[in-house]
Amino acid sequence: MPPPCEQEELVKIGKKLKKNNVAVDVVNFGAAEVNGERLEAFIEAVNSGDNSHLVSVPTGTILSDTLFGSPIYQQVCCARRPNH
């Protein structure tokens, strides 16, 4: 399902989140082709120092397989390790 607002509004929200030091990770699956451009613009607006990520999972792909190799999963795994 597409986000309930237009790309311009998502970018505006992303800039406000960035201004308030909020990081966002988005997993786009099920309609990756439809949502991709809008969500890329949103992540570009909110991203600060590579702290926000978009992972798009193509239709027919196993969600967990895609996430395990993504920056989102890598951050979670590293955060749980005490020496990393």
N, C-alpha and C. Protein backbone atom coordinates (compact mmCIF):
# COMPACT_ATOMS: atom_id res chain seq x y z
N MET A 1 0.84 -1.17 0.00
CA MET A 1 0.00 0.00 0.00
C MET A 1 0.89 1.24 0.00
N PRO A 2 0.63 2.18 -0.89
CA PRO A 2 1.43 3.40 -0.92
C PRO A 2 1.25 4.23 0.34
N PRO A 3 2.29 4.99 0.70
CA PRO A 3 2.13 5.90 1.84
C PRO A 3 0.95 6.83 1.58
N PRO A 4 0.23 7.22 2.62
CA PRO A 4 -1.01 7.99 2.43
C PRO A 4 -0.81 9.46 2.06
N CYS A 5 0.41 9.85 1.69
CA CYS A 5 0.63 11.24 1.30
C CYS A 5 1.56 11.30 0.10
N GLU A 6 1.62 12.46 -0.50
CA GLU A 6 2.44 12.66 -1.69
C GLU A 6 3.92 12.77 -1.33
N GLN A 7 4.77 12.62 -2.33
CA GLN A 7 6.21 12.65 -2.12
C GLN A 7 6.67 13.95 -1.48
N GLU A 8 6.12 15.07 -1.91
CA GLU A 8 6.53 16.36 -1.35
C GLU A 8 6.26 16.42 0.15
N GLU A 9 5.13 15.87 0.57
CA GLU A 9 4.79 15.87 1.99
C GLU A 9 5.73 14.95 2.77
N LEU A 10 6.07 13.80 2.20
CA LEU A 10 7.02 12.89 2.85
C LEU A 10 8.39 13.55 3.01
N VAL A 11 8.83 14.29 2.01
CA VAL A 11 10.11 14.99 2.09
C VAL A 11 10.07 16.04 3.19
N LYS A 12 8.97 16.76 3.29
CA LYS A 12 8.82 17.77 4.33
C LYS A 12 8.88 17.12 5.72
N ILE A 13 8.20 15.99 5.88
CA ILE A 13 8.23 15.25 7.15
C ILE A 13 9.65 14.77 7.44
N GLY A 14 10.31 14.25 6.42
CA GLY A 14 11.68 13.78 6.58
C GLY A 14 12.62 14.87 7.04
N LYS A 15 12.48 16.06 6.50
CA LYS A 15 13.33 17.18 6.91
C LYS A 15 13.08 17.58 8.36
N LYS A 16 11.82 17.53 8.78
CA LYS A 16 11.50 17.85 10.17
C LYS A 16 12.10 16.80 11.11
N LEU A 17 12.01 15.53 10.72
CA LEU A 17 12.60 14.48 11.54
C LEU A 17 14.11 14.64 11.63
N LYS A 18 14.74 14.96 10.51
CA LYS A 18 16.20 15.18 10.49
C LYS A 18 16.58 16.33 11.41
N LYS A 19 15.82 17.40 11.36
CA LYS A 19 16.08 18.56 12.20
C LYS A 19 16.03 18.20 13.68
N ASN A 20 15.19 17.22 14.03
CA ASN A 20 15.05 16.77 15.41
C ASN A 20 15.89 15.53 15.73
N ASN A 21 16.87 15.24 14.87
CA ASN A 21 17.79 14.11 15.07
C ASN A 21 17.10 12.77 15.21
N VAL A 22 16.10 12.54 14.37
CA VAL A 22 15.38 11.27 14.37
C VAL A 22 15.87 10.44 13.18
N ALA A 23 16.28 9.20 13.46
CA ALA A 23 16.69 8.27 12.41
C ALA A 23 15.51 7.37 12.07
N VAL A 24 15.43 6.98 10.79
CA VAL A 24 14.31 6.16 10.34
C VAL A 24 14.84 5.02 9.46
N ASP A 25 14.39 3.81 9.73
CA ASP A 25 14.65 2.67 8.86
C ASP A 25 13.30 2.22 8.31
N VAL A 26 13.24 2.03 6.98
CA VAL A 26 12.00 1.65 6.32
C VAL A 26 12.23 0.35 5.55
N VAL A 27 11.32 -0.58 5.73
CA VAL A 27 11.31 -1.81 4.94
C VAL A 27 10.13 -1.73 3.99
N ASN A 28 10.42 -1.70 2.72
CA ASN A 28 9.41 -1.56 1.67
C ASN A 28 9.20 -2.93 1.03
N PHE A 29 8.07 -3.55 1.31
CA PHE A 29 7.81 -4.85 0.70
C PHE A 29 6.35 -4.98 0.31
N GLY A 30 6.11 -5.82 -0.66
CA GLY A 30 4.75 -6.02 -1.13
C GLY A 30 4.39 -5.13 -2.31
N ALA A 31 4.84 -3.91 -2.30
CA ALA A 31 4.58 -2.98 -3.40
C ALA A 31 5.82 -2.11 -3.63
N ALA A 32 6.97 -2.75 -3.63
CA ALA A 32 8.24 -2.02 -3.72
C ALA A 32 8.31 -1.14 -4.96
N GLU A 33 7.77 -1.63 -6.08
CA GLU A 33 7.83 -0.86 -7.32
C GLU A 33 6.98 0.41 -7.23
N VAL A 34 5.87 0.34 -6.52
CA VAL A 34 4.95 1.47 -6.41
C VAL A 34 5.47 2.51 -5.43
N ASN A 35 6.04 2.07 -4.32
CA ASN A 35 6.45 2.97 -3.25
C ASN A 35 7.89 3.46 -3.34
N GLY A 36 8.70 2.80 -4.14
CA GLY A 36 10.13 3.04 -4.14
C GLY A 36 10.56 4.49 -4.26
N GLU A 37 10.09 5.19 -5.26
CA GLU A 37 10.53 6.57 -5.50
C GLU A 37 10.17 7.49 -4.34
N ARG A 38 8.95 7.35 -3.83
CA ARG A 38 8.50 8.19 -2.71
C ARG A 38 9.33 7.94 -1.46
N LEU A 39 9.55 6.67 -1.16
CA LEU A 39 10.29 6.32 0.05
C LEU A 39 11.77 6.68 -0.07
N GLU A 40 12.34 6.57 -1.26
CA GLU A 40 13.72 7.00 -1.46
C GLU A 40 13.87 8.49 -1.18
N ALA A 41 12.93 9.29 -1.65
CA ALA A 41 12.97 10.73 -1.40
C ALA A 41 12.84 11.02 0.09
N PHE A 42 11.98 10.27 0.77
CA PHE A 42 11.80 10.45 2.21
C PHE A 42 13.10 10.12 2.96
N ILE A 43 13.70 8.99 2.65
CA ILE A 43 14.94 8.59 3.33
C ILE A 43 16.06 9.57 3.02
N GLU A 44 16.13 10.05 1.80
CA GLU A 44 17.14 11.05 1.45
C GLU A 44 16.97 12.32 2.29
N ALA A 45 15.73 12.71 2.54
CA ALA A 45 15.45 13.92 3.32
C ALA A 45 15.76 13.74 4.80
N VAL A 46 15.52 12.56 5.35
CA VAL A 46 15.70 12.33 6.78
C VAL A 46 17.13 11.90 7.13
N ASN A 47 17.85 11.35 6.17
CA ASN A 47 19.16 10.77 6.43
C ASN A 47 20.20 11.82 6.84
N SER A 48 20.93 11.47 7.88
CA SER A 48 22.01 12.33 8.37
C SER A 48 23.17 11.43 8.79
N GLY A 49 24.24 11.45 8.02
CA GLY A 49 25.38 10.62 8.37
C GLY A 49 25.10 9.13 8.26
N ASP A 50 24.29 8.75 7.29
CA ASP A 50 23.94 7.35 7.04
C ASP A 50 23.23 6.71 8.22
N ASN A 51 22.37 7.47 8.90
CA ASN A 51 21.66 6.92 10.06
C ASN A 51 20.26 6.41 9.72
N SER A 52 19.83 6.56 8.49
CA SER A 52 18.51 6.11 8.07
C SER A 52 18.65 5.26 6.81
N HIS A 53 17.82 4.23 6.71
CA HIS A 53 17.97 3.29 5.60
C HIS A 53 16.63 2.89 5.01
N LEU A 54 16.68 2.55 3.73
CA LEU A 54 15.53 2.00 3.03
C LEU A 54 15.95 0.65 2.47
N VAL A 55 15.19 -0.37 2.79
CA VAL A 55 15.41 -1.69 2.20
C VAL A 55 14.15 -2.04 1.43
N SER A 56 14.30 -2.23 0.12
CA SER A 56 13.17 -2.62 -0.72
C SER A 56 13.28 -4.11 -1.02
N VAL A 57 12.22 -4.81 -0.75
CA VAL A 57 12.17 -6.26 -0.95
C VAL A 57 11.31 -6.54 -2.17
N PRO A 58 11.92 -7.04 -3.24
CA PRO A 58 11.15 -7.32 -4.45
C PRO A 58 10.09 -8.40 -4.23
N THR A 59 9.02 -8.32 -4.97
CA THR A 59 7.96 -9.31 -4.90
C THR A 59 8.55 -10.69 -5.20
N GLY A 60 8.16 -11.67 -4.42
CA GLY A 60 8.63 -13.03 -4.62
C GLY A 60 9.90 -13.35 -3.86
N THR A 61 10.46 -12.37 -3.16
CA THR A 61 11.67 -12.57 -2.38
C THR A 61 11.29 -12.81 -0.93
N ILE A 62 12.07 -13.64 -0.27
CA ILE A 62 11.82 -13.91 1.15
C ILE A 62 12.31 -12.72 1.96
N LEU A 63 11.41 -12.14 2.73
CA LEU A 63 11.70 -10.92 3.49
C LEU A 63 12.92 -11.09 4.38
N SER A 64 12.98 -12.15 5.15
CA SER A 64 14.09 -12.34 6.09
C SER A 64 15.43 -12.45 5.37
N ASP A 65 15.46 -13.08 4.21
CA ASP A 65 16.72 -13.20 3.46
C ASP A 65 17.25 -11.82 3.06
N THR A 66 16.36 -10.96 2.65
CA THR A 66 16.76 -9.61 2.25
C THR A 66 17.20 -8.79 3.46
N LEU A 67 16.48 -8.90 4.56
CA LEU A 67 16.81 -8.12 5.76
C LEU A 67 18.14 -8.53 6.38
N PHE A 68 18.45 -9.83 6.37
CA PHE A 68 19.69 -10.29 6.99
C PHE A 68 20.93 -9.66 6.36
N GLY A 69 20.87 -9.32 5.10
CA GLY A 69 22.00 -8.70 4.43
C GLY A 69 21.95 -7.18 4.38
N SER A 70 20.98 -6.59 5.04
CA SER A 70 20.76 -5.14 4.94
C SER A 70 21.47 -4.38 6.06
N PRO A 71 21.67 -3.08 5.87
CA PRO A 71 22.24 -2.24 6.93
C PRO A 71 21.37 -2.22 8.18
N ILE A 72 20.07 -2.38 8.03
CA ILE A 72 19.16 -2.37 9.18
C ILE A 72 19.50 -3.53 10.11
N TYR A 73 19.63 -4.72 9.56
CA TYR A 73 19.94 -5.89 10.36
C TYR A 73 21.36 -5.81 10.92
N GLN A 74 22.29 -5.31 10.13
CA GLN A 74 23.67 -5.21 10.59
C GLN A 74 23.78 -4.29 11.80
N GLN A 75 23.03 -3.21 11.83
CA GLN A 75 23.05 -2.30 12.97
C GLN A 75 22.49 -2.97 14.22
N VAL A 76 21.44 -3.74 14.07
CA VAL A 76 20.84 -4.42 15.21
C VAL A 76 21.81 -5.45 15.77
N CYS A 77 22.42 -6.23 14.90
CA CYS A 77 23.36 -7.26 15.35
C CYS A 77 24.57 -6.65 16.06
N CYS A 78 25.13 -5.61 15.48
CA CYS A 78 26.31 -4.97 16.07
C CYS A 78 25.97 -4.29 17.39
N ALA A 79 24.78 -3.74 17.49
CA ALA A 79 24.38 -3.06 18.72
C ALA A 79 24.25 -4.06 19.87
N ARG A 80 23.93 -5.30 19.57
CA ARG A 80 23.77 -6.31 20.61
C ARG A 80 25.10 -6.88 21.09
N ARG A 81 26.14 -6.75 20.28
CA ARG A 81 27.44 -7.27 20.66
C ARG A 81 28.15 -6.26 21.55
N PRO A 82 28.60 -6.67 22.73
CA PRO A 82 29.19 -5.71 23.67
C PRO A 82 30.50 -5.10 23.21
N ASN A 83 31.25 -5.75 22.36
CA ASN A 83 32.57 -5.24 21.97
C ASN A 83 32.57 -4.56 20.62
N HIS A 84 31.40 -4.26 20.05
CA HIS A 84 31.35 -3.64 18.73
C HIS A 84 30.68 -2.32 18.77
